[in-house]
Amino acid sequence: MYDYAILNGKLYIDGAWVQKNLYVQNEKIALIDKALFPSREVMDAQGLEVLPGVIDPHVHFDLDLGWIHSVDDFYYGSVAAAFGGVTSIIDFLDPASNAEELEAAYRKRLALASKCQVDYQFHATIKKPTGNLEAFVLKMKGLGMHTLKLFTTYSDSGRRTYDESIIELLKLSNKHHFLIEAHIENDDMIKLNPKYTYKDLLISRPSESETTETLKLAGYVRKYGGHFYMVHLSSGRTLEALVKDYSDILNKSFFVESCPQYFTFTSDVLQKENGYLYSFAPPLRSIEEQRLLFDYADRIDTIGTDHCAFNRSEKMKKSLKKTPLGIGGIEFSLPVMRHHLGDAAINKMTLRVASLMGLDKKGKLEVGYDADLALFKPDANRVITISHGLADYSVYTGQRAAGIVVSTMVRGHFIMKDRQFLGGTGKWVKGNEII
C-alpha cells in the first residue's frame, strides 16, 4: 500500500503532458501509472496539472544589510514559497573573505534556516578575498556546497572580487567541479551620486555596465574554462550579445539566470509616483531590451526570483542611496512565468535548476525522485490579488498569471493543500559536484 496517491492529474514528464496517477512512498515518487493501486491517502487531481516542485535558485531570506533587514525570514519566506509551488530554495551565505569567515557564515545561516518550511541549500559567497582561494573552495565543498557567488561591483561596500581572483577561481572550478556565480555589473560604470533618487536608477546602473562586464567574463570563461553562472540577467541586449559572440559556450559552460520582474515590467514604471516600489539591482530595462529578452528566452537556463522583500515605508525614500534595493516575488514566479513563456518556463524552474545546482533527485517527476510536487490550476484570466509574505505590498498585485498553485507537496507531505497552509519541515539538501 502506498502512502499517497495523486489520481487523474495531468503530469508534466520529459517536456510532455501525460494523464497518469502518481504514487508516493517514503517521501519518494514510487510509481507513475494509469492503473489504480491501494493508498493510505488519495487526492483527486482532476482538472489540475501536476508539476515538479519549483526550485528557486536565488532568494535572500533574513538578509541583514547592516542598516536594514529584509522582512521575510526563512519561515515567512518559505510560507510564501509554498503558495507558489516552490519546494526548494537556495539562499546565500553572508559574504566571506577567507575559509574561516566562510564556515562562520555557514553556521550562522544554517541556524537561521532551521525554521524553513521547504527544503534548502546555500550558495557560498565571497567578497574581496584575503585568504587562499583554494582553501576557500575546499572549505565550501567540505560543508556540502558546490556553488560560489561573487560580485564584480559593490567596491564601495568591499564586496567586489577583482579579475585576477575571478580568473583563479575559474581555474579552480575546472579542478574542483563547482559553479561560479556572479552578480555582473561593470563597477567603473556605476554612479553613486548622493543626489540620485529611484528615478535615476538607469543612470546609476546603466545596462551597458551589465553587457560590457558580461562579455568580458564570457571571454575569460572561453579562455580559462570553468563553470560560470550569471545571476539575474536584466537586459535582452546582454543576452543578444552573448548569443552573437559566445554561442560556443553559452548554455554549456556559461549559464544564464533571469527573473520574473524583467519579463513583467519595464523601466518606465520607475518614473511613476510609486516607482520606488520597483527598485532593485540590476534595475528594470527598456521596452526594447525586454523584447529581446523574450526573443532569446530559449537561451536562458534558469529563472530565479532574487526574492528580497521590504515594506513600502522602507522603500519610500527620497535618496537612492537610502533605498533598499530588492522586491519579493517567490509566491508568483511560477504563474507569472507560465503566463509569459508557457510550458517553456517549467524546466527553467525545475529540472534545469536541479541539474546546474547539483540537487540530485529533485526537479523531475520520475520514480526514485523526491515527491516534490506543485498542483497547478490553469486559468488564463487569472489576476494576482493576495500574497502571503510579510511585506505589505507586492509589485505583482494586479498582474496576469497563467493560473494558481492549489497544493504543494514537499517530499511526500502536503505543506499547502487546497490553498490552506499546513506547515512542513524543510531540510538541508547537500549538493553534488558540478560536472
Protein backbone atom coordinates (compact mmCIF):
# COMPACT_ATOMS: atom_id res chain seq x y z
CA MET A 1 0.00 0.00 0.00
CA TYR A 2 1.35 3.40 -1.00
CA ASP A 3 1.46 6.40 1.35
CA TYR A 4 -0.26 8.75 -1.09
CA ALA A 5 -1.90 8.67 -4.48
CA ILE A 6 -2.41 11.66 -6.79
CA LEU A 7 -5.10 10.49 -9.19
CA ASN A 8 -6.40 11.79 -12.54
CA GLY A 9 -3.87 14.60 -12.85
CA LYS A 10 -2.12 15.78 -15.99
CA LEU A 11 1.57 15.15 -15.26
CA TYR A 12 4.46 17.08 -16.80
CA ILE A 13 7.03 14.42 -17.73
CA ASP A 14 10.00 14.92 -20.04
CA GLY A 15 8.52 18.03 -21.63
CA ALA A 16 5.11 16.50 -22.33
CA TRP A 17 1.75 16.15 -20.59
CA VAL A 18 0.53 12.66 -19.68
CA GLN A 19 -2.66 11.59 -17.92
CA LYS A 20 -1.49 9.20 -15.22
CA ASN A 21 -1.61 8.56 -11.48
CA LEU A 22 1.35 9.27 -9.24
CA TYR A 23 2.09 7.25 -6.10
CA VAL A 24 4.27 8.29 -3.17
CA GLN A 25 6.10 6.04 -0.74
CA ASN A 26 8.69 7.05 1.89
CA GLU A 27 8.92 10.62 0.57
CA LYS A 28 9.79 9.45 -2.96
CA ILE A 29 7.87 9.04 -6.18
CA ALA A 30 7.28 5.30 -6.13
CA LEU A 31 5.17 4.73 -9.24
CA ILE A 32 3.66 6.59 -12.18
CA ASP A 33 0.97 4.53 -13.86
CA LYS A 34 -2.53 4.63 -15.30
CA ALA A 35 -3.67 1.81 -13.02
CA LEU A 36 -5.25 2.21 -9.58
CA PHE A 37 -3.42 0.86 -6.52
CA PRO A 38 -4.35 0.96 -2.83
CA SER A 39 -3.05 4.01 -0.93
CA ARG A 40 -3.49 5.33 2.59
CA GLU A 41 -4.44 8.78 1.32
CA VAL A 42 -5.78 9.87 -2.03
CA MET A 43 -6.14 13.20 -3.81
CA ASP A 44 -8.24 13.59 -6.92
CA ALA A 45 -6.30 15.94 -9.19
CA GLN A 46 -8.89 16.02 -11.95
CA GLY A 47 -8.52 19.28 -13.86
CA LEU A 48 -5.11 20.03 -12.33
CA GLU A 49 -1.61 19.98 -13.73
CA VAL A 50 0.95 18.09 -11.65
CA LEU A 51 4.40 19.67 -11.96
CA PRO A 52 7.74 19.01 -10.33
CA GLY A 53 8.14 21.36 -7.38
CA VAL A 54 9.78 24.65 -8.32
CA ILE A 55 13.38 25.17 -7.19
CA ASP A 56 14.17 28.84 -6.68
CA PRO A 57 17.94 29.22 -7.06
CA HIS A 58 18.08 32.83 -5.90
CA VAL A 59 16.47 34.04 -2.67
CA HIS A 60 17.50 36.34 0.15
CA PHE A 61 15.61 35.39 3.30
CA ASP A 62 16.52 37.03 6.60
CA LEU A 63 19.04 39.27 4.85
CA ASP A 64 20.87 41.69 7.15
CA LEU A 65 22.39 44.59 5.22
CA GLY A 66 23.70 46.21 8.39
CA TRP A 67 21.44 49.23 8.10
CA ILE A 68 18.21 47.41 7.16
CA HIS A 69 16.80 43.89 7.27
CA SER A 70 14.63 42.12 4.68
CA VAL A 71 11.16 41.40 6.07
CA ASP A 72 10.78 37.74 5.10
CA ASP A 73 12.75 35.38 7.30
CA PHE A 74 13.09 31.68 6.46
CA TYR A 75 9.68 30.88 7.93
CA TYR A 76 7.58 33.54 6.22
CA GLY A 77 9.61 33.41 3.04
CA SER A 78 9.06 29.68 2.79
CA VAL A 79 5.34 30.07 3.53
CA ALA A 80 5.13 32.36 0.50
CA ALA A 81 7.19 29.79 -1.41
CA ALA A 82 4.69 27.07 -0.57
CA PHE A 83 1.83 29.12 -2.02
CA GLY A 84 3.85 29.42 -5.21
CA GLY A 85 4.63 25.74 -5.65
CA VAL A 86 8.26 26.25 -4.62
CA THR A 87 9.54 23.17 -2.81
CA SER A 88 13.26 24.04 -2.55
CA ILE A 89 15.13 27.31 -2.24
CA ILE A 90 18.80 28.25 -2.45
CA ASP A 91 19.79 31.17 -0.25
CA PHE A 92 23.18 32.86 0.13
CA LEU A 93 25.71 32.91 2.92
CA ASP A 94 26.93 36.28 4.12
CA PRO A 95 29.96 37.29 2.02
CA ALA A 96 33.25 35.96 3.40
CA SER A 97 36.86 36.80 2.56
CA ASN A 98 38.51 33.58 3.72
CA ALA A 99 37.78 29.98 4.74
CA GLU A 100 37.36 30.79 8.44
CA GLU A 101 34.78 33.50 7.76
CA LEU A 102 33.03 31.14 5.34
CA GLU A 103 32.46 28.46 7.96
CA ALA A 104 31.17 31.02 10.46
CA ALA A 105 28.76 32.36 7.83
CA TYR A 106 27.58 28.82 7.09
CA ARG A 107 26.89 28.03 10.74
CA LYS A 108 25.02 31.31 11.18
CA ARG A 109 22.76 30.81 8.15
CA LEU A 110 22.14 27.15 8.94
CA ALA A 111 20.73 28.19 12.31
CA LEU A 112 18.52 30.84 10.71
CA ALA A 113 17.22 28.33 8.16
CA SER A 114 16.08 25.82 10.78
CA LYS A 115 12.52 27.18 10.54
CA CYS A 116 12.33 26.87 6.75
CA GLN A 117 9.19 25.04 5.63
CA VAL A 118 10.65 23.87 2.31
CA ASP A 119 13.96 22.20 1.51
CA TYR A 120 17.00 24.46 1.29
CA GLN A 121 20.60 24.72 0.14
CA PHE A 122 23.08 27.62 0.23
CA HIS A 123 25.42 29.35 -2.16
CA ALA A 124 28.74 30.28 -0.61
CA THR A 125 29.51 33.96 -1.18
CA ILE A 126 32.95 35.54 -1.47
CA LYS A 127 33.99 39.18 -1.11
CA LYS A 128 37.35 40.80 -1.78
CA PRO A 129 39.25 37.59 -0.90
CA THR A 130 42.15 37.87 1.52
CA GLY A 131 42.95 34.21 2.11
CA ASN A 132 44.00 31.29 -0.07
CA LEU A 133 41.31 30.78 -2.72
CA GLU A 134 41.78 27.03 -2.98
CA ALA A 135 41.40 26.72 0.79
CA PHE A 136 38.16 28.69 0.49
CA VAL A 137 36.88 26.36 -2.22
CA LEU A 138 37.82 23.21 -0.31
CA LYS A 139 36.12 24.50 2.83
CA MET A 140 32.98 25.30 0.82
CA LYS A 141 32.88 21.83 -0.70
CA GLY A 142 33.59 20.21 2.66
CA LEU A 143 30.49 21.95 4.00
CA GLY A 144 28.37 20.46 1.19
CA MET A 145 28.17 23.49 -1.12
CA HIS A 146 29.28 23.48 -4.75
CA THR A 147 28.19 26.96 -5.85
CA LEU A 148 30.12 30.14 -5.14
CA LYS A 149 28.79 33.65 -5.73
CA LEU A 150 30.94 36.70 -6.30
CA PHE A 151 30.28 40.35 -7.16
CA THR A 152 32.02 42.32 -9.89
CA THR A 153 30.71 45.53 -8.32
CA TYR A 154 29.91 46.97 -4.88
CA SER A 155 33.51 48.08 -4.34
CA ASP A 156 32.03 50.82 -2.15
CA SER A 157 30.99 48.20 0.42
CA GLY A 158 34.02 45.95 0.00
CA ARG A 159 32.14 43.15 -1.75
CA ARG A 160 33.82 43.28 -5.15
CA THR A 161 36.03 40.44 -6.38
CA TYR A 162 38.59 41.59 -8.94
CA ASP A 163 39.57 39.98 -12.23
CA GLU A 164 42.75 38.29 -11.03
CA SER A 165 40.80 36.36 -8.40
CA ILE A 166 37.97 35.58 -10.84
CA ILE A 167 40.46 34.00 -13.27
CA GLU A 168 41.98 31.94 -10.47
CA LEU A 169 38.51 30.80 -9.40
CA LEU A 170 37.72 29.75 -12.97
CA LYS A 171 40.81 27.56 -12.98
CA LEU A 172 39.84 26.13 -9.59
CA SER A 173 36.33 25.50 -10.93
CA ASN A 174 37.85 23.18 -13.53
CA LYS A 175 39.89 21.39 -10.91
CA HIS A 176 37.29 21.07 -8.14
CA HIS A 177 34.00 20.92 -10.09
CA PHE A 178 31.99 23.77 -8.65
CA LEU A 179 29.85 26.52 -10.20
CA ILE A 180 30.93 30.17 -10.04
CA GLU A 181 28.01 32.56 -9.85
CA ALA A 182 28.32 36.27 -10.43
CA HIS A 183 26.39 39.47 -9.94
CA ILE A 184 27.70 41.16 -13.08
CA GLU A 185 27.97 44.91 -13.45
CA ASN A 186 30.98 46.97 -14.52
CA ASP A 187 31.92 48.72 -11.31
CA ASP A 188 33.58 51.60 -13.15
CA MET A 189 30.26 52.46 -14.83
CA ILE A 190 28.23 52.54 -11.63
CA LYS A 191 27.47 56.08 -10.45
CA LEU A 192 26.58 56.59 -6.81
CA ASN A 193 25.63 60.26 -6.80
CA PRO A 194 24.01 61.01 -3.40
CA LYS A 195 21.51 63.27 -5.15
CA TYR A 196 20.08 60.40 -7.20
CA THR A 197 16.57 59.14 -6.49
CA TYR A 198 14.95 55.87 -7.59
CA LYS A 199 14.09 57.63 -10.86
CA ASP A 200 17.81 57.76 -11.61
CA LEU A 201 18.41 54.00 -11.31
CA LEU A 202 19.14 53.60 -15.01
CA ILE A 203 21.68 56.40 -14.86
CA SER A 204 23.22 54.93 -11.73
CA ARG A 205 23.32 51.36 -13.07
CA PRO A 206 23.16 51.53 -16.90
CA SER A 207 22.54 48.41 -18.96
CA GLU A 208 25.92 48.91 -20.63
CA SER A 209 27.52 48.11 -17.27
CA GLU A 210 25.91 44.67 -17.40
CA THR A 211 26.61 43.99 -21.07
CA THR A 212 30.27 45.02 -21.16
CA GLU A 213 31.17 43.18 -17.97
CA THR A 214 29.29 40.06 -19.06
CA LEU A 215 31.12 39.88 -22.37
CA LYS A 216 34.47 40.34 -20.61
CA LEU A 217 33.72 37.48 -18.23
CA ALA A 218 32.46 35.26 -21.04
CA GLY A 219 35.83 35.85 -22.68
CA TYR A 220 37.54 34.64 -19.50
CA VAL A 221 35.37 31.50 -19.47
CA ARG A 222 36.24 30.78 -23.10
CA LYS A 223 39.95 31.27 -22.39
CA TYR A 224 40.30 29.62 -18.99
CA GLY A 225 37.37 27.21 -18.86
CA GLY A 226 35.34 26.63 -15.73
CA HIS A 227 31.64 26.55 -14.85
CA PHE A 228 30.09 30.01 -14.75
CA TYR A 229 26.56 31.19 -13.97
CA MET A 230 25.26 34.72 -14.41
CA VAL A 231 22.60 35.66 -11.86
CA HIS A 232 19.64 37.96 -12.61
CA LEU A 233 20.34 38.95 -16.22
CA SER A 234 18.26 42.08 -16.74
CA SER A 235 18.77 43.14 -20.35
CA GLY A 236 17.89 41.29 -23.52
CA ARG A 237 20.67 43.28 -25.17
CA THR A 238 23.18 41.46 -22.95
CA LEU A 239 21.65 38.13 -23.91
CA GLU A 240 21.67 39.00 -27.61
CA ALA A 241 25.37 39.87 -27.39
CA LEU A 242 26.12 36.55 -25.69
CA VAL A 243 24.25 34.66 -28.40
CA LYS A 244 26.12 36.57 -31.11
CA ASP A 245 29.64 36.39 -29.66
CA TYR A 246 29.69 33.41 -27.29
CA SER A 247 27.26 30.77 -28.59
CA ASP A 248 30.06 28.19 -28.33
CA ILE A 249 30.00 28.40 -24.51
CA LEU A 250 26.50 29.77 -23.81
CA ASN A 251 24.33 27.15 -22.03
CA LYS A 252 27.36 24.83 -22.00
CA SER A 253 29.85 26.38 -19.59
CA PHE A 254 28.41 29.90 -19.31
CA PHE A 255 24.88 29.74 -17.91
CA VAL A 256 22.25 32.45 -17.55
CA GLU A 257 19.57 33.11 -14.93
CA SER A 258 16.91 35.79 -15.30
CA CYS A 259 13.97 36.82 -13.13
CA PRO A 260 10.20 37.30 -13.49
CA GLN A 261 10.43 41.06 -12.86
CA TYR A 262 12.44 41.62 -16.05
CA PHE A 263 9.78 39.87 -18.13
CA THR A 264 6.91 41.65 -16.38
CA PHE A 265 7.92 45.30 -16.01
CA THR A 266 9.97 47.87 -17.89
CA SER A 267 11.89 50.89 -16.71
CA ASP A 268 9.04 53.31 -17.38
CA VAL A 269 7.45 52.27 -14.06
CA LEU A 270 10.36 53.94 -12.26
CA GLN A 271 9.03 57.31 -13.37
CA LYS A 272 5.72 56.75 -11.63
CA GLU A 273 4.91 58.28 -8.27
CA ASN A 274 5.31 54.87 -6.60
CA GLY A 275 8.30 53.90 -8.75
CA TYR A 276 10.40 53.34 -5.63
CA LEU A 277 8.48 50.09 -5.11
CA TYR A 278 10.18 48.71 -8.24
CA SER A 279 13.75 49.49 -7.18
CA PHE A 280 16.29 46.66 -7.31
CA ALA A 281 19.66 45.92 -8.88
CA PRO A 282 20.22 45.40 -11.71
CA PRO A 283 17.27 47.68 -12.44
CA LEU A 284 14.44 47.29 -14.92
CA ARG A 285 15.32 47.92 -18.54
CA SER A 286 13.72 49.47 -21.61
CA ILE A 287 10.85 48.00 -23.61
CA GLU A 288 13.27 47.16 -26.42
CA GLU A 289 15.60 45.31 -24.04
CA GLN A 290 12.63 43.41 -22.65
CA ARG A 291 11.53 42.45 -26.16
CA LEU A 292 14.98 40.98 -26.80
CA LEU A 293 14.67 39.07 -23.52
CA PHE A 294 11.57 37.37 -24.90
CA ASP A 295 13.18 36.86 -28.31
CA TYR A 296 16.11 34.97 -26.81
CA ALA A 297 14.27 33.36 -23.88
CA ASP A 298 15.22 29.88 -25.05
CA ARG A 299 18.86 30.72 -24.23
CA ILE A 300 18.03 31.48 -20.59
CA ASP A 301 18.86 28.45 -18.46
CA THR A 302 17.00 29.20 -15.23
CA ILE A 303 14.56 31.53 -13.54
CA GLY A 304 15.23 32.76 -10.01
CA THR A 305 13.30 35.42 -8.16
CA ASP A 306 16.05 37.31 -6.29
CA HIS A 307 13.39 37.47 -3.56
CA CYS A 308 14.39 40.20 -1.11
CA ALA A 309 11.29 41.83 0.29
CA PHE A 310 10.95 45.16 2.12
CA ASN A 311 7.94 47.12 3.32
CA ARG A 312 6.51 50.10 1.47
CA SER A 313 7.71 52.62 4.07
CA GLU A 314 11.25 51.25 3.86
CA LYS A 315 11.30 51.73 0.08
CA MET A 316 9.76 55.23 0.22
CA LYS A 317 13.00 57.20 0.38
CA LYS A 318 13.97 60.36 -1.48
CA SER A 319 17.59 59.28 -1.79
CA LEU A 320 18.51 56.22 -3.89
CA LYS A 321 21.41 55.62 -1.53
CA LYS A 322 18.96 55.14 1.35
CA THR A 323 16.56 52.95 -0.64
CA PRO A 324 16.92 49.19 -0.05
CA LEU A 325 17.17 47.52 -3.45
CA GLY A 326 15.01 44.41 -3.64
CA ILE A 327 11.48 43.06 -4.05
CA GLY A 328 9.55 39.94 -3.14
CA GLY A 329 8.20 37.54 -5.73
CA ILE A 330 8.72 33.90 -4.83
CA GLU A 331 4.98 33.23 -4.50
CA PHE A 332 4.23 34.36 -8.04
CA SER A 333 7.20 33.21 -10.09
CA LEU A 334 5.56 30.07 -11.49
CA PRO A 335 2.16 31.52 -12.52
CA VAL A 336 3.77 34.71 -13.86
CA MET A 337 6.47 32.96 -15.88
CA ARG A 338 4.00 30.45 -17.28
CA HIS A 339 1.92 33.42 -18.38
CA HIS A 340 4.98 34.84 -20.15
CA LEU A 341 6.62 31.69 -21.53
CA GLY A 342 4.02 28.93 -21.27
CA ASP A 343 5.30 25.41 -20.69
CA ALA A 344 8.81 26.52 -21.67
CA ALA A 345 9.11 28.09 -18.21
CA ILE A 346 8.71 24.77 -16.37
CA ASN A 347 12.11 23.18 -16.99
CA LYS A 348 13.83 26.53 -16.36
CA MET A 349 12.33 26.48 -12.86
CA THR A 350 12.71 22.79 -12.05
CA LEU A 351 14.95 20.29 -13.86
CA ARG A 352 17.44 22.82 -15.22
CA VAL A 353 17.95 24.34 -11.79
CA ALA A 354 18.42 20.93 -10.18
CA SER A 355 20.98 19.82 -12.76
CA LEU A 356 23.01 23.04 -12.63
CA MET A 357 22.95 23.30 -8.84
CA GLY A 358 23.77 19.65 -8.19
CA LEU A 359 20.46 18.87 -6.46
CA ASP A 360 20.16 15.16 -7.06
CA LYS A 361 16.70 13.56 -7.20
CA LYS A 362 14.85 16.86 -7.49
CA GLY A 363 13.25 18.79 -10.34
CA LYS A 364 11.60 15.92 -12.18
CA LEU A 365 8.58 13.61 -11.99
CA GLU A 366 10.36 10.27 -12.09
CA VAL A 367 10.36 7.14 -9.96
CA GLY A 368 13.01 7.45 -7.24
CA TYR A 369 12.96 11.25 -7.19
CA ASP A 370 11.78 13.27 -4.20
CA ALA A 371 8.00 13.63 -4.16
CA ASP A 372 8.15 17.41 -4.57
CA LEU A 373 5.00 18.48 -6.41
CA ALA A 374 3.15 21.63 -7.41
CA LEU A 375 -0.51 21.12 -8.31
CA PHE A 376 -1.48 23.90 -10.65
CA LYS A 377 -4.94 25.00 -11.77
CA PRO A 378 -4.71 26.66 -15.20
CA ASP A 379 -6.69 29.87 -15.63
CA ALA A 380 -5.76 32.19 -18.49
CA ASN A 381 -7.84 35.01 -16.95
CA ARG A 382 -6.21 34.85 -13.53
CA VAL A 383 -5.12 38.11 -11.90
CA ILE A 384 -2.90 38.14 -8.81
CA THR A 385 -4.66 39.55 -5.76
CA ILE A 386 -3.21 38.40 -2.44
CA SER A 387 0.23 37.44 -1.13
CA HIS A 388 1.47 35.53 1.89
CA GLY A 389 4.86 37.04 2.69
CA LEU A 390 5.36 39.66 5.39
CA ALA A 391 5.89 42.63 3.06
CA ASP A 392 2.90 44.98 2.94
CA TYR A 393 2.89 45.19 -0.86
CA SER A 394 3.76 43.17 -3.95
CA VAL A 395 4.65 44.54 -7.36
CA TYR A 396 2.77 41.56 -8.83
CA THR A 397 -0.64 42.55 -7.45
CA GLY A 398 -2.93 43.06 -10.43
CA GLN A 399 -0.62 41.25 -12.85
CA ARG A 400 -1.77 38.49 -15.17
CA ALA A 401 -1.00 34.89 -14.29
CA ALA A 402 -1.47 31.57 -16.08
CA GLY A 403 -3.32 30.08 -13.12
CA ILE A 404 -2.76 29.33 -9.47
CA VAL A 405 -0.94 26.74 -7.38
CA VAL A 406 -3.60 24.99 -5.30
CA SER A 407 -1.44 22.46 -3.42
CA THR A 408 2.27 21.95 -2.75
CA MET A 409 3.96 18.73 -1.61
CA VAL A 410 7.49 18.52 -0.22
CA ARG A 411 8.97 15.02 -0.05
CA GLY A 412 5.57 13.37 0.03
CA HIS A 413 3.95 15.72 2.57
CA PHE A 414 1.48 18.44 1.65
CA ILE A 415 2.63 21.69 3.23
CA MET A 416 -0.07 23.66 1.42
CA LYS A 417 -3.27 21.94 0.35
CA ASP A 418 -6.35 23.45 -1.28
CA ARG A 419 -4.86 26.90 -0.60
CA GLN A 420 -4.55 26.20 3.13
CA PHE A 421 -1.09 26.27 4.70
CA LEU A 422 -0.43 23.10 6.71
CA GLY A 423 3.23 23.58 7.57
CA GLY A 424 6.20 21.37 6.94
CA THR A 425 9.74 20.55 7.88
CA GLY A 426 12.26 21.67 5.34
CA LYS A 427 15.65 20.02 5.36
CA TRP A 428 19.15 20.90 4.26
CA VAL A 429 19.87 19.30 0.91
CA LYS A 430 23.51 18.52 0.33
CA GLY A 431 24.59 19.45 -3.17
CA ASN A 432 26.60 17.35 -5.59
CA GLU A 433 29.67 18.28 -7.58
CA ILE A 434 29.10 20.30 -10.74
CA ILE A 435 30.41 18.22 -13.63
